[in-house]
Amino acid sequence: MMSPTFSQSFDDYLEVVRDVLNTEKKAVVAETMSLTDAESSAFWSLYNEYNSKLYEVHTERVNIIKDFAAQYESMTDEKADALVSRSLAYQTKLLKLNKSYYKKFKKILPATKAALYFQVESKIDDLINASLAAEIPLVNTN
């Protein structure tokens, strides 16, 4: 179990990492999108709104990972089941958010640019997921 001091410093570190990732992501999106002046204002406003909601959804994933780490040594069937249920609920919320915002982005951008934006988001998410997959151990069943 993590001590309160370690837990707080880890949470602080995690927020710094998330801020850096968001800054780097925004730069990649800006470079990739090639927005016109007319598209830019509406896009960045919606981008910020979407990413604020995305942050909330991803916080659920962070909490699931932290709970997995805290329970790793004492994993039970009940704890494993609860973690998988939470993970599936997170994935459902993420899909619902993406569907909702894809429709919103298509209202302000041509469908090809909205698709490009979601492709960039997906590729960045894939890179993060690959990194997490490499770091997070499989459930110990022994």
Protein backbone atom coordinates (compact mmCIF):
# COMPACT_ATOMS: atom_id res chain seq x y z
CA MET A 1 0.00 0.00 0.00
CA MET A 2 1.27 3.49 -0.84
CA SER A 3 1.96 5.94 1.95
CA PRO A 4 0.03 9.23 1.81
CA THR A 5 3.25 11.17 1.13
CA PHE A 6 4.31 8.86 -1.70
CA SER A 7 0.78 8.80 -3.07
CA GLN A 8 0.60 12.61 -3.15
CA SER A 9 4.02 12.99 -4.75
CA PHE A 10 3.08 10.31 -7.31
CA ASP A 11 -0.18 12.14 -8.08
CA ASP A 12 1.74 15.41 -8.49
CA TYR A 13 4.22 13.70 -10.82
CA LEU A 14 1.37 12.15 -12.77
CA GLU A 15 -0.25 15.55 -13.29
CA VAL A 16 3.04 16.98 -14.60
CA VAL A 17 3.35 14.07 -17.03
CA ARG A 18 -0.25 14.53 -18.17
CA ASP A 19 0.34 18.27 -18.71
CA VAL A 20 3.46 17.59 -20.78
CA LEU A 21 1.64 14.97 -22.87
CA ASN A 22 -1.24 17.37 -23.49
CA THR A 23 1.14 20.14 -24.59
CA GLU A 24 2.98 17.78 -26.93
CA LYS A 25 -0.31 16.40 -28.25
CA LYS A 26 -1.60 19.88 -29.00
CA ALA A 27 1.57 20.65 -30.96
CA VAL A 28 1.19 17.45 -33.01
CA VAL A 29 -2.48 18.22 -33.68
CA ALA A 30 -1.65 21.80 -34.73
CA GLU A 31 1.05 20.59 -37.10
CA THR A 32 -1.06 17.80 -38.59
CA MET A 33 -4.39 19.56 -39.03
CA SER A 34 -3.35 22.42 -41.36
CA LEU A 35 -6.40 24.44 -40.38
CA THR A 36 -7.50 27.50 -42.28
CA ASP A 37 -7.95 30.74 -40.36
CA ALA A 38 -11.72 30.27 -40.65
CA GLU A 39 -11.53 26.74 -39.17
CA SER A 40 -8.96 27.47 -36.50
CA SER A 41 -10.97 29.41 -33.91
CA ALA A 42 -13.92 27.03 -33.84
CA PHE A 43 -11.62 23.99 -33.89
CA TRP A 44 -9.44 25.03 -30.95
CA SER A 45 -12.45 26.00 -28.89
CA LEU A 46 -14.05 22.59 -29.46
CA TYR A 47 -10.67 20.87 -29.05
CA ASN A 48 -10.27 22.41 -25.59
CA GLU A 49 -13.81 21.45 -24.62
CA TYR A 50 -13.33 17.87 -25.85
CA ASN A 51 -9.95 17.49 -24.18
CA SER A 52 -11.35 18.75 -20.89
CA LYS A 53 -13.96 15.99 -21.01
CA LEU A 54 -11.36 13.51 -22.25
CA TYR A 55 -9.20 14.37 -19.24
CA GLU A 56 -12.08 13.44 -16.93
CA VAL A 57 -12.63 10.10 -18.68
CA HIS A 58 -8.90 9.33 -18.74
CA THR A 59 -8.74 10.12 -15.01
CA GLU A 60 -10.97 7.09 -14.52
CA ARG A 61 -8.39 4.97 -16.38
CA VAL A 62 -5.61 6.39 -14.20
CA ASN A 63 -7.58 5.53 -11.07
CA ILE A 64 -8.19 1.97 -12.31
CA ILE A 65 -4.46 1.52 -12.95
CA LYS A 66 -3.61 2.92 -9.52
CA ASP A 67 -6.14 0.60 -7.89
CA PHE A 68 -4.72 -2.36 -9.82
CA ALA A 69 -1.23 -1.48 -8.59
CA ALA A 70 -2.42 -1.12 -5.00
CA GLN A 71 -4.21 -4.48 -5.12
CA TYR A 72 -1.69 -6.38 -7.26
CA GLU A 73 -0.13 -8.39 -4.41
CA SER A 74 -3.48 -9.26 -2.85
CA MET A 75 -5.63 -9.73 -5.97
CA THR A 76 -8.79 -11.74 -5.46
CA ASP A 77 -11.40 -12.86 -7.96
CA GLU A 78 -13.73 -10.15 -6.64
CA LYS A 79 -11.12 -7.39 -6.99
CA ALA A 80 -10.15 -8.57 -10.48
CA ASP A 81 -13.80 -8.68 -11.54
CA ALA A 82 -14.41 -5.17 -10.20
CA LEU A 83 -11.34 -3.81 -12.01
CA VAL A 84 -12.40 -5.37 -15.33
CA SER A 85 -15.94 -4.03 -14.90
CA ARG A 86 -14.56 -0.54 -14.25
CA SER A 87 -12.25 -0.85 -17.26
CA LEU A 88 -15.15 -1.83 -19.53
CA ALA A 89 -17.22 1.07 -18.19
CA TYR A 90 -14.29 3.41 -18.92
CA GLN A 91 -14.05 2.11 -22.50
CA THR A 92 -17.80 2.61 -22.96
CA LYS A 93 -17.58 6.22 -21.70
CA LEU A 94 -14.62 6.90 -23.97
CA LEU A 95 -16.46 5.53 -27.01
CA LYS A 96 -19.57 7.54 -26.17
CA LEU A 97 -17.50 10.73 -25.78
CA ASN A 98 -15.70 10.13 -29.07
CA LYS A 99 -18.95 9.48 -30.97
CA SER A 100 -20.50 12.62 -29.53
CA TYR A 101 -17.53 14.86 -30.32
CA TYR A 102 -16.90 13.43 -33.76
CA LYS A 103 -20.38 14.67 -34.67
CA LYS A 104 -19.53 18.09 -33.21
CA PHE A 105 -16.22 18.30 -35.09
CA LYS A 106 -17.99 17.41 -38.36
CA LYS A 107 -20.24 20.45 -37.87
CA ILE A 108 -17.24 22.80 -37.89
CA LEU A 109 -14.85 20.95 -40.21
CA PRO A 110 -15.09 18.95 -43.42
CA ALA A 111 -15.54 15.25 -42.61
CA THR A 112 -12.03 14.51 -43.91
CA LYS A 113 -10.48 16.93 -41.38
CA ALA A 114 -12.69 15.66 -38.57
CA ALA A 115 -11.60 12.13 -39.48
CA LEU A 116 -7.96 13.23 -39.57
CA TYR A 117 -8.28 14.75 -36.11
CA PHE A 118 -9.78 11.58 -34.66
CA GLN A 119 -7.12 9.54 -36.43
CA VAL A 120 -4.43 11.63 -34.74
CA GLU A 121 -6.18 11.23 -31.37
CA SER A 122 -6.37 7.48 -31.94
CA LYS A 123 -2.70 7.15 -32.85
CA ILE A 124 -1.63 9.15 -29.79
CA ASP A 125 -3.92 7.01 -27.61
CA ASP A 126 -2.42 3.86 -29.20
CA LEU A 127 1.10 5.04 -28.30
CA ILE A 128 0.06 5.72 -24.71
CA ASN A 129 -1.71 2.36 -24.50
CA ALA A 130 1.37 0.56 -25.86
CA SER A 131 3.53 2.24 -23.24
CA LEU A 132 1.08 1.32 -20.48
CA ALA A 133 0.85 -2.26 -21.75
CA ALA A 134 4.63 -2.57 -21.56
CA GLU A 135 4.69 -1.28 -17.98
CA ILE A 136 1.62 -2.87 -16.37
CA PRO A 137 2.06 -6.52 -15.41
CA LEU A 138 -0.55 -9.16 -16.08
CA VAL A 139 -2.82 -10.19 -13.23
CA ASN A 140 -1.08 -12.61 -10.89
CA THR A 141 -3.27 -15.74 -10.65
CA ASN A 142 -1.06 -17.65 -8.22
